Amino acid sequence: MTIANNIENPTKRSSLKAKDKIDWREIFFKYLFLSSAAIGILSLITIGYFIFRESYDAFAQSGITGIVFGMDWLPPALYGIAPMIVASVVSTAGAVVLGVPIGVLTAIFIAEVAPKRLANLIRPMIELLAGIPSVVYGFFGLVIIVPLIQDVFAVPAGNTILAGVIVLSVMILPTVITVSETSIRAVPRSYKEGSLALGASHMFTIFKLLVPAARSGIMTGVILGVARALGETMAIIMVMGNSPAMPEGLLDSARTLTANIAIEMSYATGVHASALYATGIVLLVFIMMLNAALLYLNRERAR
């Protein structure tokens, strides 16, 4: 028994010393990651507080319904932004309808259909689209798309919602394609191999197996694309005409929420400036609601 105790005691002592030893690197990185997350949350809270504080005067004067549902934007008396909400929704929805199918199909082509050499050629070109500044997209729309719409539809000016839809649909392509392709490639290859081994065709496997399996990532790309379309400013200012009146169709000039802020913030003062901050609040709440709805739908379909 004495010999056994002498053998076990050094082992027990070493294990106790290992437990008592503090891993400072583990603690450092733990609190570093925690601090990074806290900074992100604190930044969002700070921005939200600042915008709400600056918009108080406008809400106090016109009320929430007067701003959100108001039909006329005539500073310094009226601050209705309903036409701008409609313009933002319509232009973003149109961009999603045009851009998302093209983006997803392109991602499928690069990930599953195209030969490796062709895919390696297309992928950098798509990534290059993401690096093009917004003003270049706007200039392209102003020089090419706006005159084309004017000639094809015989309208007095081609600066319309349709021009904004086309430009935005091109701008969201890199985000949708890149995220969707990454998600499709992340699906385990055993899924595809098992489907093909059971006799399914290549296209059936893609659309019935790979795409549903990558739905979560594809929806993430769609959400990011929608966020970019809603938040775009410079290109929209250049191609949509910036009329604060309620648009009646795709061939009417319109002004989005972001364009309203960018155009008038440089000279706005007092309640006028506060109304522009209120516009930012509406835009922020709208984006949060839209993202929450898309995330909820994505989770429900994943069950």
C-alpha atoms as a PDB file:
ATOM      1  CA  MET A   1       0.000   0.000   0.000  1.00  0.00           C
ATOM      2  CA  THR A   2       2.830   2.387   0.824  1.00  0.00           C
ATOM      3  CA  ILE A   3       4.515   1.790  -2.513  1.00  0.00           C
ATOM      4  CA  ALA A   4       1.199   2.332  -4.348  1.00  0.00           C
ATOM      5  CA  ASN A   5       0.585   5.577  -2.465  1.00  0.00           C
ATOM      6  CA  ASN A   6       4.065   6.827  -3.320  1.00  0.00           C
ATOM      7  CA  ILE A   7       3.393   6.110  -6.989  1.00  0.00           C
ATOM      8  CA  GLU A   8      -0.053   7.775  -7.053  1.00  0.00           C
ATOM      9  CA  ASN A   9       0.852  10.904  -5.102  1.00  0.00           C
ATOM     10  CA  PRO A  10       3.150  12.465  -7.764  1.00  0.00           C
ATOM     11  CA  THR A  11       0.438  11.924 -10.369  1.00  0.00           C
ATOM     12  CA  LYS A  12      -2.168  13.566  -8.181  1.00  0.00           C
ATOM     13  CA  ARG A  13       0.170  16.459  -7.461  1.00  0.00           C
ATOM     14  CA  SER A  14       0.833  17.051 -11.182  1.00  0.00           C
ATOM     15  CA  SER A  15      -2.889  16.957 -11.996  1.00  0.00           C
ATOM     16  CA  LEU A  16      -3.630  19.446  -9.218  1.00  0.00           C
ATOM     17  CA  LYS A  17      -0.892  21.754 -10.483  1.00  0.00           C
ATOM     18  CA  ALA A  18      -2.348  21.549 -14.015  1.00  0.00           C
ATOM     19  CA  LYS A  19      -5.757  22.508 -12.677  1.00  0.00           C
ATOM     20  CA  ASP A  20      -4.359  25.394 -10.640  1.00  0.00           C
ATOM     21  CA  LYS A  21      -2.405  26.766 -13.623  1.00  0.00           C
ATOM     22  CA  ILE A  22      -4.220  29.639 -15.356  1.00  0.00           C
ATOM     23  CA  ASP A  23      -4.183  29.780 -19.151  1.00  0.00           C
ATOM     24  CA  TRP A  24      -3.876  33.530 -19.671  1.00  0.00           C
ATOM     25  CA  ARG A  25      -3.994  33.241 -23.443  1.00  0.00           C
ATOM     26  CA  GLU A  26      -7.350  31.475 -23.257  1.00  0.00           C
ATOM     27  CA  ILE A  27      -8.721  34.196 -20.996  1.00  0.00           C
ATOM     28  CA  PHE A  28      -7.265  36.977 -23.166  1.00  0.00           C
ATOM     29  CA  PHE A  29      -8.853  35.733 -26.391  1.00  0.00           C
ATOM     30  CA  LYS A  30     -12.122  34.982 -24.642  1.00  0.00           C
ATOM     31  CA  TYR A  31     -12.493  38.567 -23.473  1.00  0.00           C
ATOM     32  CA  LEU A  32     -11.127  39.892 -26.764  1.00  0.00           C
ATOM     33  CA  PHE A  33     -13.929  38.165 -28.666  1.00  0.00           C
ATOM     34  CA  LEU A  34     -16.453  39.314 -26.060  1.00  0.00           C
ATOM     35  CA  SER A  35     -15.236  42.903 -26.369  1.00  0.00           C
ATOM     36  CA  SER A  36     -15.499  42.782 -30.157  1.00  0.00           C
ATOM     37  CA  ALA A  37     -19.093  41.586 -29.962  1.00  0.00           C
ATOM     38  CA  ALA A  38     -19.920  44.216 -27.349  1.00  0.00           C
ATOM     39  CA  ILE A  39     -18.439  46.986 -29.524  1.00  0.00           C
ATOM     40  CA  GLY A  40     -20.660  45.970 -32.432  1.00  0.00           C
ATOM     41  CA  ILE A  41     -23.792  45.964 -30.278  1.00  0.00           C
ATOM     42  CA  LEU A  42     -22.805  49.234 -28.590  1.00  0.00           C
ATOM     43  CA  SER A  43     -22.228  50.873 -31.973  1.00  0.00           C
ATOM     44  CA  LEU A  44     -25.718  49.905 -33.124  1.00  0.00           C
ATOM     45  CA  ILE A  45     -27.274  51.199 -29.901  1.00  0.00           C
ATOM     46  CA  THR A  46     -25.332  54.471 -30.162  1.00  0.00           C
ATOM     47  CA  ILE A  47     -26.349  55.065 -33.774  1.00  0.00           C
ATOM     48  CA  GLY A  48     -29.975  54.256 -32.988  1.00  0.00           C
ATOM     49  CA  TYR A  49     -30.006  56.596 -29.994  1.00  0.00           C
ATOM     50  CA  PHE A  50     -28.447  59.425 -32.010  1.00  0.00           C
ATOM     51  CA  ILE A  51     -30.937  59.105 -34.868  1.00  0.00           C
ATOM     52  CA  PHE A  52     -33.934  58.888 -32.536  1.00  0.00           C
ATOM     53  CA  ARG A  53     -32.753  61.915 -30.568  1.00  0.00           C
ATOM     54  CA  GLU A  54     -32.224  64.038 -33.660  1.00  0.00           C
ATOM     55  CA  SER A  55     -35.599  63.082 -35.151  1.00  0.00           C
ATOM     56  CA  TYR A  56     -37.648  63.971 -32.065  1.00  0.00           C
ATOM     57  CA  ASP A  57     -38.601  67.480 -33.238  1.00  0.00           C
ATOM     58  CA  ALA A  58     -40.011  66.194 -36.532  1.00  0.00           C
ATOM     59  CA  PHE A  59     -42.115  63.524 -34.832  1.00  0.00           C
ATOM     60  CA  ALA A  60     -43.277  66.052 -32.243  1.00  0.00           C
ATOM     61  CA  GLN A  61     -44.435  68.461 -34.957  1.00  0.00           C
ATOM     62  CA  SER A  62     -45.940  66.101 -37.553  1.00  0.00           C
ATOM     63  CA  GLY A  63     -46.466  62.903 -35.617  1.00  0.00           C
ATOM     64  CA  ILE A  64     -45.566  59.400 -36.734  1.00  0.00           C
ATOM     65  CA  THR A  65     -48.599  59.058 -38.998  1.00  0.00           C
ATOM     66  CA  GLY A  66     -48.022  62.477 -40.524  1.00  0.00           C
ATOM     67  CA  ILE A  67     -44.499  61.503 -41.549  1.00  0.00           C
ATOM     68  CA  VAL A  68     -44.963  57.850 -42.480  1.00  0.00           C
ATOM     69  CA  PHE A  69     -48.343  58.217 -44.228  1.00  0.00           C
ATOM     70  CA  GLY A  70     -48.037  61.808 -45.371  1.00  0.00           C
ATOM     71  CA  MET A  71     -48.303  62.262 -49.140  1.00  0.00           C
ATOM     72  CA  ASP A  72     -46.552  65.622 -49.496  1.00  0.00           C
ATOM     73  CA  TRP A  73     -42.920  66.584 -48.883  1.00  0.00           C
ATOM     74  CA  LEU A  74     -42.902  70.392 -48.764  1.00  0.00           C
ATOM     75  CA  PRO A  75     -40.431  71.685 -46.151  1.00  0.00           C
ATOM     76  CA  PRO A  76     -40.768  73.507 -43.845  1.00  0.00           C
ATOM     77  CA  ALA A  77     -44.491  72.738 -43.581  1.00  0.00           C
ATOM     78  CA  LEU A  78     -45.095  69.147 -44.698  1.00  0.00           C
ATOM     79  CA  TYR A  79     -42.808  66.145 -44.230  1.00  0.00           C
ATOM     80  CA  GLY A  80     -44.731  63.196 -45.640  1.00  0.00           C
ATOM     81  CA  ILE A  81     -42.500  60.400 -46.911  1.00  0.00           C
ATOM     82  CA  ALA A  82     -45.094  57.889 -48.130  1.00  0.00           C
ATOM     83  CA  PRO A  83     -44.139  58.446 -51.812  1.00  0.00           C
ATOM     84  CA  MET A  84     -40.499  57.755 -50.961  1.00  0.00           C
ATOM     85  CA  ILE A  85     -41.415  54.578 -49.083  1.00  0.00           C
ATOM     86  CA  VAL A  86     -43.348  53.375 -52.121  1.00  0.00           C
ATOM     87  CA  ALA A  87     -40.448  54.232 -54.434  1.00  0.00           C
ATOM     88  CA  SER A  88     -37.971  52.381 -52.202  1.00  0.00           C
ATOM     89  CA  VAL A  89     -40.196  49.301 -51.950  1.00  0.00           C
ATOM     90  CA  VAL A  90     -40.977  49.159 -55.663  1.00  0.00           C
ATOM     91  CA  SER A  91     -37.383  49.687 -56.817  1.00  0.00           C
ATOM     92  CA  THR A  92     -36.054  47.105 -54.357  1.00  0.00           C
ATOM     93  CA  ALA A  93     -38.755  44.555 -55.195  1.00  0.00           C
ATOM     94  CA  GLY A  94     -38.105  45.020 -58.905  1.00  0.00           C
ATOM     95  CA  ALA A  95     -34.379  44.564 -58.399  1.00  0.00           C
ATOM     96  CA  VAL A  96     -35.003  41.353 -56.457  1.00  0.00           C
ATOM     97  CA  VAL A  97     -37.380  40.007 -59.123  1.00  0.00           C
ATOM     98  CA  LEU A  98     -34.828  40.666 -61.868  1.00  0.00           C
ATOM     99  CA  GLY A  99     -31.548  40.133 -60.063  1.00  0.00           C
ATOM    100  CA  VAL A 100     -32.115  37.177 -57.731  1.00  0.00           C
ATOM    101  CA  PRO A 101     -33.103  34.580 -60.387  1.00  0.00           C
ATOM    102  CA  ILE A 102     -30.194  35.638 -62.605  1.00  0.00           C
ATOM    103  CA  GLY A 103     -27.820  35.582 -59.640  1.00  0.00           C
ATOM    104  CA  VAL A 104     -28.890  32.157 -58.364  1.00  0.00           C
ATOM    105  CA  LEU A 105     -28.796  30.608 -61.827  1.00  0.00           C
ATOM    106  CA  THR A 106     -25.341  32.082 -62.421  1.00  0.00           C
ATOM    107  CA  ALA A 107     -24.153  30.664 -59.093  1.00  0.00           C
ATOM    108  CA  ILE A 108     -25.478  27.225 -60.067  1.00  0.00           C
ATOM    109  CA  PHE A 109     -23.723  27.466 -63.417  1.00  0.00           C
ATOM    110  CA  ILE A 110     -20.377  28.378 -61.842  1.00  0.00           C
ATOM    111  CA  ALA A 111     -20.606  25.803 -59.050  1.00  0.00           C
ATOM    112  CA  GLU A 112     -22.071  22.780 -60.854  1.00  0.00           C
ATOM    113  CA  VAL A 113     -22.322  23.183 -64.630  1.00  0.00           C
ATOM    114  CA  ALA A 114     -19.418  25.200 -66.019  1.00  0.00           C
ATOM    115  CA  PRO A 115     -16.066  23.537 -66.729  1.00  0.00           C
ATOM    116  CA  LYS A 116     -13.400  24.380 -64.197  1.00  0.00           C
ATOM    117  CA  ARG A 117     -11.494  26.696 -66.539  1.00  0.00           C
ATOM    118  CA  LEU A 118     -14.620  28.643 -67.470  1.00  0.00           C
ATOM    119  CA  ALA A 119     -15.720  28.865 -63.834  1.00  0.00           C
ATOM    120  CA  ASN A 120     -12.287  30.197 -62.842  1.00  0.00           C
ATOM    121  CA  LEU A 121     -12.675  32.835 -65.550  1.00  0.00           C
ATOM    122  CA  ILE A 122     -16.198  33.930 -64.648  1.00  0.00           C
ATOM    123  CA  ARG A 123     -15.698  34.023 -60.870  1.00  0.00           C
ATOM    124  CA  PRO A 124     -13.108  36.865 -60.837  1.00  0.00           C
ATOM    125  CA  MET A 125     -15.252  38.867 -63.251  1.00  0.00           C
ATOM    126  CA  ILE A 126     -18.229  38.576 -60.892  1.00  0.00           C
ATOM    127  CA  GLU A 127     -16.063  39.587 -57.952  1.00  0.00           C
ATOM    128  CA  LEU A 128     -14.863  42.578 -59.957  1.00  0.00           C
ATOM    129  CA  LEU A 129     -18.455  43.787 -60.239  1.00  0.00           C
ATOM    130  CA  ALA A 130     -18.586  44.044 -56.445  1.00  0.00           C
ATOM    131  CA  GLY A 131     -15.633  46.452 -56.471  1.00  0.00           C
ATOM    132  CA  ILE A 132     -17.126  48.915 -58.941  1.00  0.00           C
ATOM    133  CA  PRO A 133     -18.161  52.160 -57.151  1.00  0.00           C
ATOM    134  CA  SER A 134     -21.831  53.068 -57.038  1.00  0.00           C
ATOM    135  CA  VAL A 135     -21.249  56.269 -58.960  1.00  0.00           C
ATOM    136  CA  VAL A 136     -19.937  54.237 -61.907  1.00  0.00           C
ATOM    137  CA  TYR A 137     -23.131  52.169 -61.946  1.00  0.00           C
ATOM    138  CA  GLY A 138     -25.111  55.390 -61.807  1.00  0.00           C
ATOM    139  CA  PHE A 139     -23.107  56.927 -64.634  1.00  0.00           C
ATOM    140  CA  PHE A 140     -23.645  53.805 -66.732  1.00  0.00           C
ATOM    141  CA  GLY A 141     -27.376  53.985 -66.078  1.00  0.00           C
ATOM    142  CA  LEU A 142     -27.481  57.692 -66.864  1.00  0.00           C
ATOM    143  CA  VAL A 143     -25.631  57.338 -70.171  1.00  0.00           C
ATOM    144  CA  ILE A 144     -27.006  53.996 -71.423  1.00  0.00           C
ATOM    145  CA  ILE A 145     -30.187  52.914 -69.625  1.00  0.00           C
ATOM    146  CA  VAL A 146     -31.935  56.276 -69.233  1.00  0.00           C
ATOM    147  CA  PRO A 147     -31.745  57.241 -72.945  1.00  0.00           C
ATOM    148  CA  LEU A 148     -32.728  53.681 -73.910  1.00  0.00           C
ATOM    149  CA  ILE A 149     -35.874  53.825 -71.771  1.00  0.00           C
ATOM    150  CA  GLN A 150     -36.694  57.243 -73.174  1.00  0.00           C
ATOM    151  CA  ASP A 151     -36.465  55.969 -76.765  1.00  0.00           C
ATOM    152  CA  VAL A 152     -38.172  52.598 -76.259  1.00  0.00           C
ATOM    153  CA  PHE A 153     -41.151  53.818 -74.211  1.00  0.00           C
ATOM    154  CA  ALA A 154     -41.397  57.298 -75.783  1.00  0.00           C
ATOM    155  CA  VAL A 155     -41.438  59.129 -72.463  1.00  0.00           C
ATOM    156  CA  PRO A 156     -40.292  62.734 -71.924  1.00  0.00           C
ATOM    157  CA  ALA A 157     -37.424  61.607 -69.669  1.00  0.00           C
ATOM    158  CA  GLY A 158     -35.896  58.216 -69.009  1.00  0.00           C
ATOM    159  CA  ASN A 159     -35.114  59.003 -65.359  1.00  0.00           C
ATOM    160  CA  THR A 160     -37.692  56.595 -64.005  1.00  0.00           C
ATOM    161  CA  ILE A 161     -38.250  53.853 -61.454  1.00  0.00           C
ATOM    162  CA  LEU A 162     -37.600  51.319 -64.212  1.00  0.00           C
ATOM    163  CA  ALA A 163     -34.094  52.716 -64.710  1.00  0.00           C
ATOM    164  CA  GLY A 164     -33.468  52.395 -60.984  1.00  0.00           C
ATOM    165  CA  VAL A 165     -34.750  48.806 -60.983  1.00  0.00           C
ATOM    166  CA  ILE A 166     -32.389  47.822 -63.800  1.00  0.00           C
ATOM    167  CA  VAL A 167     -29.363  49.465 -62.168  1.00  0.00           C
ATOM    168  CA  LEU A 168     -30.111  47.956 -58.750  1.00  0.00           C
ATOM    169  CA  SER A 169     -30.647  44.492 -60.219  1.00  0.00           C
ATOM    170  CA  VAL A 170     -27.145  44.652 -61.696  1.00  0.00           C
ATOM    171  CA  MET A 171     -25.652  45.976 -58.464  1.00  0.00           C
ATOM    172  CA  ILE A 172     -26.982  43.137 -56.296  1.00  0.00           C
ATOM    173  CA  LEU A 173     -25.721  40.424 -58.651  1.00  0.00           C
ATOM    174  CA  PRO A 174     -22.200  40.076 -57.156  1.00  0.00           C
ATOM    175  CA  THR A 175     -23.548  39.612 -53.632  1.00  0.00           C
ATOM    176  CA  VAL A 176     -26.206  37.089 -54.599  1.00  0.00           C
ATOM    177  CA  ILE A 177     -23.885  35.124 -56.898  1.00  0.00           C
ATOM    178  CA  THR A 178     -20.926  34.954 -54.520  1.00  0.00           C
ATOM    179  CA  VAL A 179     -22.899  33.925 -51.421  1.00  0.00           C
ATOM    180  CA  SER A 180     -25.092  31.478 -53.339  1.00  0.00           C
ATOM    181  CA  GLU A 181     -22.138  29.805 -55.040  1.00  0.00           C
ATOM    182  CA  THR A 182     -20.330  29.403 -51.734  1.00  0.00           C
ATOM    183  CA  SER A 183     -23.439  27.852 -50.195  1.00  0.00           C
ATOM    184  CA  ILE A 184     -23.919  25.403 -53.068  1.00  0.00           C
ATOM    185  CA  ARG A 185     -20.281  24.339 -52.914  1.00  0.00           C
ATOM    186  CA  ALA A 186     -20.607  23.819 -49.149  1.00  0.00           C
ATOM    187  CA  VAL A 187     -23.228  21.076 -49.629  1.00  0.00           C
ATOM    188  CA  PRO A 188     -21.525  17.702 -48.955  1.00  0.00           C
ATOM    189  CA  ARG A 189     -20.538  16.003 -52.205  1.00  0.00           C
ATOM    190  CA  SER A 190     -21.966  12.740 -50.913  1.00  0.00           C
ATOM    191  CA  TYR A 191     -25.440  14.204 -51.474  1.00  0.00           C
ATOM    192  CA  LYS A 192     -24.770  14.678 -55.173  1.00  0.00           C
ATOM    193  CA  GLU A 193     -22.957  11.371 -55.559  1.00  0.00           C
ATOM    194  CA  GLY A 194     -25.768   9.478 -53.842  1.00  0.00           C
ATOM    195  CA  SER A 195     -28.421  11.128 -56.019  1.00  0.00           C
ATOM    196  CA  LEU A 196     -26.534  10.375 -59.230  1.00  0.00           C
ATOM    197  CA  ALA A 197     -25.892   6.817 -58.079  1.00  0.00           C
ATOM    198  CA  LEU A 198     -29.643   6.319 -57.657  1.00  0.00           C
ATOM    199  CA  GLY A 199     -30.203   7.281 -61.279  1.00  0.00           C
ATOM    200  CA  ALA A 200     -31.244  10.924 -60.937  1.00  0.00           C
ATOM    201  CA  SER A 201     -30.187  13.313 -63.682  1.00  0.00           C
ATOM    202  CA  HIS A 202     -27.689  16.100 -63.105  1.00  0.00           C
ATOM    203  CA  MET A 203     -30.308  18.869 -63.362  1.00  0.00           C
ATOM    204  CA  PHE A 204     -32.742  17.011 -61.119  1.00  0.00           C
ATOM    205  CA  THR A 205     -30.012  16.661 -58.524  1.00  0.00           C
ATOM    206  CA  ILE A 206     -29.192  20.367 -58.723  1.00  0.00           C
ATOM    207  CA  PHE A 207     -32.716  21.730 -58.389  1.00  0.00           C
ATOM    208  CA  LYS A 208     -34.223  19.066 -56.126  1.00  0.00           C
ATOM    209  CA  LEU A 209     -31.287  18.358 -53.837  1.00  0.00           C
ATOM    210  CA  LEU A 210     -28.389  20.835 -53.932  1.00  0.00           C
ATOM    211  CA  VAL A 211     -30.380  24.053 -54.119  1.00  0.00           C
ATOM    212  CA  PRO A 212     -32.794  23.085 -51.299  1.00  0.00           C
ATOM    213  CA  ALA A 213     -29.829  21.967 -49.178  1.00  0.00           C
ATOM    214  CA  ALA A 214     -28.141  25.348 -49.768  1.00  0.00           C
ATOM    215  CA  ARG A 215     -31.357  27.327 -49.172  1.00  0.00           C
ATOM    216  CA  SER A 216     -30.095  28.953 -45.989  1.00  0.00           C
ATOM    217  CA  GLY A 217     -27.009  30.402 -47.655  1.00  0.00           C
ATOM    218  CA  ILE A 218     -28.946  31.465 -50.749  1.00  0.00           C
ATOM    219  CA  MET A 219     -31.473  33.294 -48.575  1.00  0.00           C
ATOM    220  CA  THR A 220     -28.588  35.022 -46.816  1.00  0.00           C
ATOM    221  CA  GLY A 221     -27.343  36.255 -50.181  1.00  0.00           C
ATOM    222  CA  VAL A 222     -30.836  37.493 -51.032  1.00  0.00           C
ATOM    223  CA  ILE A 223     -31.059  39.348 -47.707  1.00  0.00           C
ATOM    224  CA  LEU A 224     -27.704  41.028 -48.297  1.00  0.00           C
ATOM    225  CA  GLY A 225     -28.775  41.941 -51.819  1.00  0.00           C
ATOM    226  CA  VAL A 226     -32.022  43.468 -50.552  1.00  0.00           C
ATOM    227  CA  ALA A 227     -30.121  45.443 -47.931  1.00  0.00           C
ATOM    228  CA  ARG A 228     -27.799  46.833 -50.589  1.00  0.00           C
ATOM    229  CA  ALA A 229     -30.677  47.729 -52.876  1.00  0.00           C
ATOM    230  CA  LEU A 230     -32.513  49.535 -50.070  1.00  0.00           C
ATOM    231  CA  GLY A 231     -29.407  51.368 -48.942  1.00  0.00           C
ATOM    232  CA  GLU A 232     -28.147  52.424 -52.364  1.00  0.00           C
ATOM    233  CA  THR A 233     -28.008  56.200 -52.820  1.00  0.00           C
ATOM    234  CA  MET A 234     -25.693  57.629 -55.460  1.00  0.00           C
ATOM    235  CA  ALA A 235     -26.749  55.454 -58.394  1.00  0.00           C
ATOM    236  CA  ILE A 236     -30.423  55.993 -57.587  1.00  0.00           C
ATOM    237  CA  ILE A 237     -29.991  59.766 -57.450  1.00  0.00           C
ATOM    238  CA  MET A 238     -28.481  59.706 -60.918  1.00  0.00           C
ATOM    239  CA  VAL A 239     -31.123  57.587 -62.691  1.00  0.00           C
ATOM    240  CA  MET A 240     -34.525  57.935 -60.959  1.00  0.00           C
ATOM    241  CA  GLY A 241     -35.261  61.639 -61.354  1.00  0.00           C
ATOM    242  CA  ASN A 242     -35.731  62.399 -57.625  1.00  0.00           C
ATOM    243  CA  SER A 243     -39.319  63.636 -57.760  1.00  0.00           C
ATOM    244  CA  PRO A 244     -40.929  63.624 -54.275  1.00  0.00           C
ATOM    245  CA  ALA A 245     -44.420  63.063 -55.755  1.00  0.00           C
ATOM    246  CA  MET A 246     -46.208  59.726 -55.491  1.00  0.00           C
ATOM    247  CA  PRO A 247     -45.260  57.585 -58.518  1.00  0.00           C
ATOM    248  CA  GLU A 248     -48.082  56.036 -60.521  1.00  0.00           C
ATOM    249  CA  GLY A 249     -46.030  53.531 -62.524  1.00  0.00           C
ATOM    250  CA  LEU A 250     -42.583  52.262 -63.399  1.00  0.00           C
ATOM    251  CA  LEU A 251     -42.144  55.024 -65.989  1.00  0.00           C
ATOM    252  CA  ASP A 252     -42.575  57.825 -63.441  1.00  0.00           C
ATOM    253  CA  SER A 253     -39.799  59.731 -61.725  1.00  0.00           C
ATOM    254  CA  ALA A 254     -39.432  59.021 -58.015  1.00  0.00           C
ATOM    255  CA  ARG A 255     -37.247  59.592 -54.970  1.00  0.00           C
ATOM    256  CA  THR A 256     -36.204  56.906 -52.503  1.00  0.00           C
ATOM    257  CA  LEU A 257     -35.651  57.322 -48.769  1.00  0.00           C
ATOM    258  CA  THR A 258     -31.873  57.293 -49.073  1.00  0.00           C
ATOM    259  CA  ALA A 259     -31.916  59.758 -51.971  1.00  0.00           C
ATOM    260  CA  ASN A 260     -34.113  62.122 -49.953  1.00  0.00           C
ATOM    261  CA  ILE A 261     -31.580  62.198 -47.132  1.00  0.00           C
ATOM    262  CA  ALA A 262     -28.563  62.638 -49.410  1.00  0.00           C
ATOM    263  CA  ILE A 263     -30.111  65.391 -51.528  1.00  0.00           C
ATOM    264  CA  GLU A 264     -31.361  67.671 -48.763  1.00  0.00           C
ATOM    265  CA  MET A 265     -29.132  67.024 -45.747  1.00  0.00           C
ATOM    266  CA  SER A 266     -26.462  69.497 -46.888  1.00  0.00           C
ATOM    267  CA  TYR A 267     -28.728  72.530 -46.488  1.00  0.00           C
ATOM    268  CA  ALA A 268     -31.446  71.332 -44.092  1.00  0.00           C
ATOM    269  CA  THR A 269     -31.752  72.977 -40.673  1.00  0.00           C
ATOM    270  CA  GLY A 270     -34.097  72.801 -37.718  1.00  0.00           C
ATOM    271  CA  VAL A 271     -37.190  70.656 -38.138  1.00  0.00           C
ATOM    272  CA  HIS A 272     -36.272  70.000 -41.776  1.00  0.00           C
ATOM    273  CA  ALA A 273     -33.055  68.280 -40.701  1.00  0.00           C
ATOM    274  CA  SER A 274     -34.949  66.441 -37.981  1.00  0.00           C
ATOM    275  CA  ALA A 275     -37.384  65.141 -40.617  1.00  0.00           C
ATOM    276  CA  LEU A 276     -34.465  63.743 -42.591  1.00  0.00           C
ATOM    277  CA  TYR A 277     -33.306  61.885 -39.480  1.00  0.00           C
ATOM    278  CA  ALA A 278     -36.867  60.600 -39.140  1.00  0.00           C
ATOM    279  CA  THR A 279     -36.558  59.326 -42.699  1.00  0.00           C
ATOM    280  CA  GLY A 280     -33.462  57.428 -41.584  1.00  0.00           C
ATOM    281  CA  ILE A 281     -35.407  55.863 -38.723  1.00  0.00           C
ATOM    282  CA  VAL A 282     -38.136  54.672 -41.071  1.00  0.00           C
ATOM    283  CA  LEU A 283     -35.501  53.195 -43.366  1.00  0.00           C
ATOM    284  CA  LEU A 284     -33.756  51.466 -40.464  1.00  0.00           C
ATOM    285  CA  VAL A 285     -36.982  49.990 -39.087  1.00  0.00           C
ATOM    286  CA  PHE A 286     -38.063  48.896 -42.546  1.00  0.00           C
ATOM    287  CA  ILE A 287     -34.769  47.071 -43.182  1.00  0.00           C
ATOM    288  CA  MET A 288     -34.925  45.382 -39.769  1.00  0.00           C
ATOM    289  CA  MET A 289     -38.484  44.196 -40.378  1.00  0.00           C
ATOM    290  CA  LEU A 290     -37.642  42.918 -43.840  1.00  0.00           C
ATOM    291  CA  ASN A 291     -34.560  41.043 -42.668  1.00  0.00           C
ATOM    292  CA  ALA A 292     -36.461  39.564 -39.725  1.00  0.00           C
ATOM    293  CA  ALA A 293     -39.233  38.357 -42.047  1.00  0.00           C
ATOM    294  CA  LEU A 294     -36.786  36.764 -44.470  1.00  0.00           C
ATOM    295  CA  LEU A 295     -34.863  35.081 -41.654  1.00  0.00           C
ATOM    296  CA  TYR A 296     -38.115  33.760 -40.177  1.00  0.00           C
ATOM    297  CA  LEU A 297     -39.202  32.326 -43.523  1.00  0.00           C
ATOM    298  CA  ASN A 298     -35.785  30.758 -43.972  1.00  0.00           C
ATOM    299  CA  ARG A 299     -35.954  29.039 -40.595  1.00  0.00           C
ATOM    300  CA  GLU A 300     -39.504  27.833 -41.158  1.00  0.00           C
ATOM    301  CA  ARG A 301     -38.591  26.260 -44.488  1.00  0.00           C
ATOM    302  CA  ALA A 302     -35.501  24.652 -42.991  1.00  0.00           C
ATOM    303  CA  ARG A 303     -37.613  22.709 -40.470  1.00  0.00           C
END
